[in-house]
């Protein structure tokens, strides 16, 4: 994932999360389910990307320490 793709996904994820919490405050169960359904898969993608990059960084650090 490119940095721009990551940024765009995070922006969209936060949009969904904000709308979810707004619906929750208004006790609108239908909108809650809708926005939760949108945000969870994106959250999982973001978590996977963070994990991927952390592995790359750890590998790069290990390689730089070996030289």
PDB file of N, CA and C in Angstrom:
ATOM      1  N   UNK A   1       0.855  -1.171   0.000  1.00  0.00           N
ATOM      2  CA  UNK A   1       0.000   0.000   0.000  1.00  0.00           C
ATOM      3  C   UNK A   1       0.900   1.232   0.000  1.00  0.00           C
ATOM      4  N   UNK A   2       0.563   2.186  -0.840  1.00  0.00           N
ATOM      5  CA  UNK A   2       1.356   3.414  -0.885  1.00  0.00           C
ATOM      6  C   UNK A   2       0.976   4.317   0.288  1.00  0.00           C
ATOM      7  N   UNK A   3       1.842   5.272   0.619  1.00  0.00           N
ATOM      8  CA  UNK A   3       1.480   6.211   1.687  1.00  0.00           C
ATOM      9  C   UNK A   3       0.166   6.951   1.399  1.00  0.00           C
ATOM     10  N   UNK A   4      -0.077   7.308   0.144  1.00  0.00           N
ATOM     11  CA  UNK A   4      -1.314   8.008  -0.229  1.00  0.00           C
ATOM     12  C   UNK A   4      -2.528   7.099  -0.018  1.00  0.00           C
ATOM     13  N   UNK A   5      -2.408   5.830  -0.404  1.00  0.00           N
ATOM     14  CA  UNK A   5      -3.503   4.886  -0.200  1.00  0.00           C
ATOM     15  C   UNK A   5      -3.782   4.707   1.293  1.00  0.00           C
ATOM     16  N   UNK A   6      -2.713   4.618   2.076  1.00  0.00           N
ATOM     17  CA  UNK A   6      -2.859   4.491   3.526  1.00  0.00           C
ATOM     18  C   UNK A   6      -3.586   5.699   4.089  1.00  0.00           C
ATOM     19  N   UNK A   7      -3.137   6.886   3.694  1.00  0.00           N
ATOM     20  CA  UNK A   7      -3.760   8.131   4.160  1.00  0.00           C
ATOM     21  C   UNK A   7      -5.244   8.159   3.796  1.00  0.00           C
ATOM     22  N   UNK A   8      -5.557   7.846   2.551  1.00  0.00           N
ATOM     23  CA  UNK A   8      -6.957   7.884   2.105  1.00  0.00           C
ATOM     24  C   UNK A   8      -7.826   6.897   2.885  1.00  0.00           C
ATOM     25  N   UNK A   9      -7.294   5.711   3.157  1.00  0.00           N
ATOM     26  CA  UNK A   9      -8.051   4.721   3.924  1.00  0.00           C
ATOM     27  C   UNK A   9      -8.289   5.188   5.358  1.00  0.00           C
ATOM     28  N   UNK A  10      -7.274   5.793   5.948  1.00  0.00           N
ATOM     29  CA  UNK A  10      -7.428   6.283   7.321  1.00  0.00           C
ATOM     30  C   UNK A  10      -8.461   7.407   7.370  1.00  0.00           C
ATOM     31  N   UNK A  11      -8.431   8.296   6.399  1.00  0.00           N
ATOM     32  CA  UNK A  11      -9.414   9.378   6.345  1.00  0.00           C
ATOM     33  C   UNK A  11     -10.829   8.801   6.236  1.00  0.00           C
ATOM     34  N   UNK A  12     -11.006   7.819   5.354  1.00  0.00           N
ATOM     35  CA  UNK A  12     -12.327   7.215   5.187  1.00  0.00           C
ATOM     36  C   UNK A  12     -12.749   6.446   6.443  1.00  0.00           C
ATOM     37  N   UNK A  13     -11.792   5.739   7.045  1.00  0.00           N
ATOM     38  CA  UNK A  13     -12.079   5.002   8.275  1.00  0.00           C
ATOM     39  C   UNK A  13     -12.563   5.958   9.365  1.00  0.00           C
ATOM     40  N   UNK A  14     -11.872   7.066   9.540  1.00  0.00           N
ATOM     41  CA  UNK A  14     -12.263   8.036  10.563  1.00  0.00           C
ATOM     42  C   UNK A  14     -13.642   8.632  10.249  1.00  0.00           C
ATOM     43  N   UNK A  15     -13.944   8.852   8.986  1.00  0.00           N
ATOM     44  CA  UNK A  15     -15.269   9.329   8.582  1.00  0.00           C
ATOM     45  C   UNK A  15     -16.335   8.333   9.047  1.00  0.00           C
ATOM     46  N   UNK A  16     -16.096   7.055   8.778  1.00  0.00           N
ATOM     47  CA  UNK A  16     -17.050   6.008   9.189  1.00  0.00           C
ATOM     48  C   UNK A  16     -17.165   5.935  10.700  1.00  0.00           C
ATOM     49  N   UNK A  17     -16.045   6.022  11.386  1.00  0.00           N
ATOM     50  CA  UNK A  17     -16.073   5.953  12.848  1.00  0.00           C
ATOM     51  C   UNK A  17     -16.826   7.138  13.443  1.00  0.00           C
ATOM     52  N   UNK A  18     -16.572   8.337  12.925  1.00  0.00           N
ATOM     53  CA  UNK A  18     -17.285   9.516  13.447  1.00  0.00           C
ATOM     54  C   UNK A  18     -18.791   9.386  13.226  1.00  0.00           C
ATOM     55  N   UNK A  19     -19.173   8.901  12.049  1.00  0.00           N
ATOM     56  CA  UNK A  19     -20.596   8.718  11.776  1.00  0.00           C
ATOM     57  C   UNK A  19     -21.199   7.620  12.639  1.00  0.00           C
ATOM     58  N   UNK A  20     -20.435   6.575  12.901  1.00  0.00           N
ATOM     59  CA  UNK A  20     -20.902   5.523  13.799  1.00  0.00           C
ATOM     60  C   UNK A  20     -21.200   6.101  15.178  1.00  0.00           C
ATOM     61  N   UNK A  21     -20.248   6.872  15.723  1.00  0.00           N
ATOM     62  CA  UNK A  21     -20.458   7.426  17.065  1.00  0.00           C
ATOM     63  C   UNK A  21     -21.580   8.462  17.088  1.00  0.00           C
ATOM     64  N   UNK A  22     -21.747   9.200  16.014  1.00  0.00           N
ATOM     65  CA  UNK A  22     -22.864  10.146  15.941  1.00  0.00           C
ATOM     66  C   UNK A  22     -24.189   9.387  15.951  1.00  0.00           C
ATOM     67  N   UNK A  23     -24.254   8.287  15.211  1.00  0.00           N
ATOM     68  CA  UNK A  23     -25.477   7.473  15.183  1.00  0.00           C
ATOM     69  C   UNK A  23     -25.722   6.829  16.544  1.00  0.00           C
ATOM     70  N   UNK A  24     -24.646   6.457  17.205  1.00  0.00           N
ATOM     71  CA  UNK A  24     -24.786   5.849  18.529  1.00  0.00           C
ATOM     72  C   UNK A  24     -25.364   6.843  19.531  1.00  0.00           C
ATOM     73  N   UNK A  25     -24.879   8.089  19.455  1.00  0.00           N
ATOM     74  CA  UNK A  25     -25.417   9.121  20.356  1.00  0.00           C
ATOM     75  C   UNK A  25     -26.900   9.360  20.094  1.00  0.00           C
ATOM     76  N   UNK A  26     -27.290   9.246  18.825  1.00  0.00           N
ATOM     77  CA  UNK A  26     -28.698   9.458  18.466  1.00  0.00           C
ATOM     78  C   UNK A  26     -29.529   8.184  18.602  1.00  0.00           C
ATOM     79  N   UNK A  27     -28.866   7.113  19.006  1.00  0.00           N
ATOM     80  CA  UNK A  27     -29.519   5.808  19.175  1.00  0.00           C
ATOM     81  C   UNK A  27     -30.176   5.322  17.877  1.00  0.00           C
ATOM     82  N   UNK A  28     -29.466   5.559  16.770  1.00  0.00           N
ATOM     83  CA  UNK A  28     -29.933   5.113  15.453  1.00  0.00           C
ATOM     84  C   UNK A  28     -29.228   3.799  15.117  1.00  0.00           C
ATOM     85  N   UNK A  29     -29.849   2.698  15.500  1.00  0.00           N
ATOM     86  CA  UNK A  29     -29.228   1.379  15.378  1.00  0.00           C
ATOM     87  C   UNK A  29     -28.910   1.013  13.927  1.00  0.00           C
ATOM     88  N   UNK A  30     -29.755   1.403  13.010  1.00  0.00           N
ATOM     89  CA  UNK A  30     -29.524   1.064  11.601  1.00  0.00           C
ATOM     90  C   UNK A  30     -28.247   1.731  11.079  1.00  0.00           C
ATOM     91  N   UNK A  31     -28.087   3.018  11.367  1.00  0.00           N
ATOM     92  CA  UNK A  31     -26.880   3.715  10.930  1.00  0.00           C
ATOM     93  C   UNK A  31     -25.647   3.215  11.680  1.00  0.00           C
ATOM     94  N   UNK A  32     -25.823   2.857  12.946  1.00  0.00           N
ATOM     95  CA  UNK A  32     -24.703   2.295  13.707  1.00  0.00           C
ATOM     96  C   UNK A  32     -24.174   1.054  13.006  1.00  0.00           C
ATOM     97  N   UNK A  33     -25.078   0.130  12.683  1.00  0.00           N
ATOM     98  CA  UNK A  33     -24.680  -1.114  12.022  1.00  0.00           C
ATOM     99  C   UNK A  33     -24.035  -0.828  10.669  1.00  0.00           C
ATOM    100  N   UNK A  34     -24.605   0.124   9.933  1.00  0.00           N
ATOM    101  CA  UNK A  34     -24.081   0.466   8.614  1.00  0.00           C
ATOM    102  C   UNK A  34     -22.638   0.963   8.716  1.00  0.00           C
ATOM    103  N   UNK A  35     -22.403   1.959   9.557  1.00  0.00           N
ATOM    104  CA  UNK A  35     -21.064   2.536   9.650  1.00  0.00           C
ATOM    105  C   UNK A  35     -20.070   1.599  10.334  1.00  0.00           C
ATOM    106  N   UNK A  36     -20.538   0.806  11.260  1.00  0.00           N
ATOM    107  CA  UNK A  36     -19.661  -0.184  11.872  1.00  0.00           C
ATOM    108  C   UNK A  36     -19.240  -1.217  10.832  1.00  0.00           C
ATOM    109  N   UNK A  37     -20.192  -1.616  10.008  1.00  0.00           N
ATOM    110  CA  UNK A  37     -19.892  -2.561   8.929  1.00  0.00           C
ATOM    111  C   UNK A  37     -18.903  -2.017   7.927  1.00  0.00           C
ATOM    112  N   UNK A  38     -18.906  -0.708   7.719  1.00  0.00           N
ATOM    113  CA  UNK A  38     -17.935  -0.095   6.816  1.00  0.00           C
ATOM    114  C   UNK A  38     -16.564   0.047   7.476  1.00  0.00           C
ATOM    115  N   UNK A  39     -16.555   0.416   8.739  1.00  0.00           N
ATOM    116  CA  UNK A  39     -15.275   0.748   9.378  1.00  0.00           C
ATOM    117  C   UNK A  39     -14.458  -0.475   9.791  1.00  0.00           C
ATOM    118  N   UNK A  40     -15.091  -1.550  10.198  1.00  0.00           N
ATOM    119  CA  UNK A  40     -14.333  -2.708  10.690  1.00  0.00           C
ATOM    120  C   UNK A  40     -13.390  -3.293   9.629  1.00  0.00           C
ATOM    121  N   UNK A  41     -13.843  -3.531   8.400  1.00  0.00           N
ATOM    122  CA  UNK A  41     -12.904  -4.068   7.409  1.00  0.00           C
ATOM    123  C   UNK A  41     -11.741  -3.106   7.119  1.00  0.00           C
ATOM    124  N   UNK A  42     -12.020  -1.819   7.128  1.00  0.00           N
ATOM    125  CA  UNK A  42     -10.960  -0.840   6.886  1.00  0.00           C
ATOM    126  C   UNK A  42      -9.987  -0.833   8.062  1.00  0.00           C
ATOM    127  N   UNK A  43     -10.510  -0.903   9.275  1.00  0.00           N
ATOM    128  CA  UNK A  43      -9.639  -0.982  10.452  1.00  0.00           C
ATOM    129  C   UNK A  43      -8.713  -2.188  10.348  1.00  0.00           C
ATOM    130  N   UNK A  44      -9.258  -3.316   9.889  1.00  0.00           N
ATOM    131  CA  UNK A  44      -8.443  -4.521   9.733  1.00  0.00           C
ATOM    132  C   UNK A  44      -7.359  -4.323   8.674  1.00  0.00           C
ATOM    133  N   UNK A  45      -7.702  -3.648   7.568  1.00  0.00           N
ATOM    134  CA  UNK A  45      -6.706  -3.351   6.534  1.00  0.00           C
ATOM    135  C   UNK A  45      -5.600  -2.450   7.077  1.00  0.00           C
ATOM    136  N   UNK A  46      -5.994  -1.442   7.826  1.00  0.00           N
ATOM    137  CA  UNK A  46      -5.019  -0.510   8.401  1.00  0.00           C
ATOM    138  C   UNK A  46      -4.111  -1.254   9.379  1.00  0.00           C
ATOM    139  N   UNK A  47      -4.688  -2.083  10.233  1.00  0.00           N
ATOM    140  CA  UNK A  47      -3.891  -2.863  11.181  1.00  0.00           C
ATOM    141  C   UNK A  47      -2.904  -3.772  10.451  1.00  0.00           C
ATOM    142  N   UNK A  48      -3.363  -4.420   9.374  1.00  0.00           N
ATOM    143  CA  UNK A  48      -2.490  -5.309   8.600  1.00  0.00           C
ATOM    144  C   UNK A  48      -1.353  -4.520   7.948  1.00  0.00           C
ATOM    145  N   UNK A  49      -1.658  -3.348   7.453  1.00  0.00           N
ATOM    146  CA  UNK A  49      -0.615  -2.520   6.814  1.00  0.00           C
ATOM    147  C   UNK A  49       0.403  -2.050   7.840  1.00  0.00           C
ATOM    148  N   UNK A  50      -0.052  -1.662   9.016  1.00  0.00           N
ATOM    149  CA  UNK A  50       0.864  -1.250  10.075  1.00  0.00           C
ATOM    150  C   UNK A  50       1.781  -2.415  10.447  1.00  0.00           C
ATOM    151  N   UNK A  51       1.203  -3.594  10.584  1.00  0.00           N
ATOM    152  CA  UNK A  51       2.003  -4.779  10.919  1.00  0.00           C
ATOM    153  C   UNK A  51       3.028  -5.076   9.823  1.00  0.00           C
ATOM    154  N   UNK A  52       2.607  -4.962   8.559  1.00  0.00           N
ATOM    155  CA  UNK A  52       3.510  -5.204   7.429  1.00  0.00           C
ATOM    156  C   UNK A  52       4.694  -4.248   7.469  1.00  0.00           C
ATOM    157  N   UNK A  53       4.420  -2.977   7.676  1.00  0.00           N
ATOM    158  CA  UNK A  53       5.480  -1.964   7.691  1.00  0.00           C
ATOM    159  C   UNK A  53       6.390  -2.153   8.906  1.00  0.00           C
ATOM    160  N   UNK A  54       5.807  -2.511  10.040  1.00  0.00           N
ATOM    161  CA  UNK A  54       6.635  -2.753  11.228  1.00  0.00           C
ATOM    162  C   UNK A  54       7.604  -3.905  11.001  1.00  0.00           C
ATOM    163  N   UNK A  55       7.164  -4.957  10.301  1.00  0.00           N
ATOM    164  CA  UNK A  55       8.047  -6.075   9.991  1.00  0.00           C
ATOM    165  C   UNK A  55       9.183  -5.630   9.079  1.00  0.00           C
ATOM    166  N   UNK A  56       8.865  -4.799   8.095  1.00  0.00           N
ATOM    167  CA  UNK A  56       9.894  -4.283   7.192  1.00  0.00           C
ATOM    168  C   UNK A  56      10.896  -3.444   7.973  1.00  0.00           C
ATOM    169  N   UNK A  57      10.398  -2.574   8.841  1.00  0.00           N
ATOM    170  CA  UNK A  57      11.283  -1.726   9.638  1.00  0.00           C
ATOM    171  C   UNK A  57      12.168  -2.564  10.553  1.00  0.00           C
ATOM    172  N   UNK A  58      11.606  -3.576  11.174  1.00  0.00           N
ATOM    173  CA  UNK A  58      12.391  -4.440  12.060  1.00  0.00           C
ATOM    174  C   UNK A  58      13.468  -5.168  11.275  1.00  0.00           C
ATOM    175  N   UNK A  59      13.120  -5.623  10.094  1.00  0.00           N
ATOM    176  CA  UNK A  59      14.090  -6.316   9.244  1.00  0.00           C
ATOM    177  C   UNK A  59      15.207  -5.361   8.815  1.00  0.00           C
ATOM    178  N   UNK A  60      14.829  -4.142   8.442  1.00  0.00           N
ATOM    179  CA  UNK A  60      15.828  -3.144   8.041  1.00  0.00           C
ATOM    180  C   UNK A  60      16.753  -2.790   9.201  1.00  0.00           C
ATOM    181  N   UNK A  61      16.204  -2.668  10.395  1.00  0.00           N
ATOM    182  CA  UNK A  61      17.007  -2.356  11.572  1.00  0.00           C
ATOM    183  C   UNK A  61      17.964  -3.498  11.892  1.00  0.00           C
ATOM    184  N   UNK A  62      17.462  -4.732  11.767  1.00  0.00           N
ATOM    185  CA  UNK A  62      18.307  -5.898  12.029  1.00  0.00           C
ATOM    186  C   UNK A  62      19.445  -5.967  11.014  1.00  0.00           C
ATOM    187  N   UNK A  63      19.141  -5.677   9.766  1.00  0.00           N
ATOM    188  CA  UNK A  63      20.174  -5.697   8.726  1.00  0.00           C
ATOM    189  C   UNK A  63      21.193  -4.588   8.934  1.00  0.00           C
ATOM    190  N   UNK A  64      20.757  -3.417   9.349  1.00  0.00           N
ATOM    191  CA  UNK A  64      21.701  -2.312   9.562  1.00  0.00           C
ATOM    192  C   UNK A  64      22.580  -2.561  10.783  1.00  0.00           C
ATOM    193  N   UNK A  65      22.065  -3.300  11.760  1.00  0.00           N
ATOM    194  CA  UNK A  65      22.853  -3.626  12.952  1.00  0.00           C
ATOM    195  C   UNK A  65      23.889  -4.703  12.661  1.00  0.00           C
ATOM    196  N   UNK A  66      23.669  -5.474  11.595  1.00  0.00           N
ATOM    197  CA  UNK A  66      24.615  -6.535  11.238  1.00  0.00           C
ATOM    198  C   UNK A  66      25.776  -6.019  10.402  1.00  0.00           C
ATOM    199  N   UNK A  67      25.744  -4.762   9.988  1.00  0.00           N
ATOM    200  CA  UNK A  67      26.812  -4.215   9.143  1.00  0.00           C
ATOM    201  C   UNK A  67      27.706  -3.305   9.907  1.00  0.00           C
TER     202      UNK A  67
END
